[in-house]
Amino acid sequence: IDEMHIRRAVRGRGIGTEVLGSLPRALAAAGLCAIEVETGREDARARTLFGRQRFHPLEDRITLRLTLHR
């Protein structure tokens, strides 16, 4: 999954929870061993959603950026 977005008008109805809740079993059955997600540090709703699904921060990774100027 490259990106998941729940439309603002239907947020808070459990759609994200249902989608994320169904993935681990299906992906494990397909042979995958982990699911990694990224979200903004300030996106409290997404972090709460992922936390409820037992996702946890990876201590061994950071995101790096180089801003290019013309």
Protein backbone atom coordinates (compact mmCIF):
# COMPACT_ATOMS: atom_id res chain seq x y z
CA ILE A 1 0.00 0.00 0.00
CA ASP A 2 1.61 3.23 -1.08
CA GLU A 3 -0.89 5.58 0.48
CA MET A 4 -4.11 5.42 2.48
CA HIS A 5 -6.43 8.37 2.84
CA ILE A 6 -9.85 8.49 4.49
CA ARG A 7 -12.01 11.33 3.22
CA ARG A 8 -12.60 13.98 5.83
CA ALA A 9 -16.39 13.61 5.51
CA VAL A 10 -16.29 9.97 6.63
CA ARG A 11 -13.46 10.05 9.18
CA GLY A 12 -14.23 8.82 12.66
CA ARG A 13 -16.44 5.95 11.49
CA GLY A 14 -13.89 3.18 12.02
CA ILE A 15 -12.95 2.74 8.37
CA GLY A 16 -9.20 3.11 8.97
CA THR A 17 -9.41 0.82 11.99
CA GLU A 18 -11.21 -1.84 9.97
CA VAL A 19 -8.74 -1.65 7.09
CA LEU A 20 -5.67 -1.76 9.34
CA GLY A 21 -7.22 -4.46 11.50
CA SER A 22 -7.70 -6.79 8.54
CA LEU A 23 -4.22 -6.39 7.06
CA PRO A 24 -1.98 -8.33 9.48
CA ARG A 25 -3.72 -11.68 9.15
CA ALA A 26 -4.09 -11.41 5.37
CA LEU A 27 -0.52 -10.29 4.80
CA ALA A 28 0.95 -12.87 7.19
CA ALA A 29 -0.97 -15.57 5.31
CA ALA A 30 0.62 -14.25 2.11
CA GLY A 31 4.08 -14.66 3.63
CA LEU A 32 4.90 -11.11 4.69
CA CYS A 33 6.63 -10.65 8.03
CA ALA A 34 6.07 -6.95 8.82
CA ILE A 35 4.05 -3.86 7.95
CA GLU A 36 5.72 -0.46 8.14
CA VAL A 37 3.85 2.83 7.98
CA GLU A 38 4.93 6.46 7.94
CA THR A 39 3.05 9.45 9.22
CA GLY A 40 3.85 12.98 10.24
CA ARG A 41 5.05 13.52 13.78
CA GLU A 42 2.27 16.08 14.28
CA ASP A 43 -0.53 13.85 12.92
CA ALA A 44 -1.93 12.77 16.29
CA ARG A 45 -5.01 11.08 14.82
CA ALA A 46 -2.94 8.83 12.56
CA ARG A 47 -0.45 8.03 15.33
CA THR A 48 -3.33 7.11 17.64
CA LEU A 49 -4.88 4.90 14.96
CA PHE A 50 -1.59 3.10 14.33
CA GLY A 51 -0.93 2.75 18.05
CA ARG A 52 -4.31 1.09 18.62
CA GLN A 53 -3.32 -1.45 15.97
CA ARG A 54 -0.06 -2.19 17.87
CA PHE A 55 2.28 -0.33 15.50
CA HIS A 56 5.26 1.13 17.34
CA PRO A 57 8.00 3.62 16.42
CA LEU A 58 11.18 2.17 14.94
CA GLU A 59 14.10 3.30 17.03
CA ASP A 60 16.65 2.31 14.39
CA ARG A 61 15.33 4.56 11.60
CA ILE A 62 15.07 8.24 10.93
CA THR A 63 13.84 10.16 7.91
CA LEU A 64 16.42 12.37 6.26
CA ARG A 65 15.83 15.15 3.75
CA LEU A 66 18.06 17.27 1.58
CA THR A 67 16.31 20.41 0.35
CA LEU A 68 17.54 21.42 -3.09
CA HIS A 69 17.80 25.02 -4.22
CA ARG A 70 17.89 26.21 -7.82
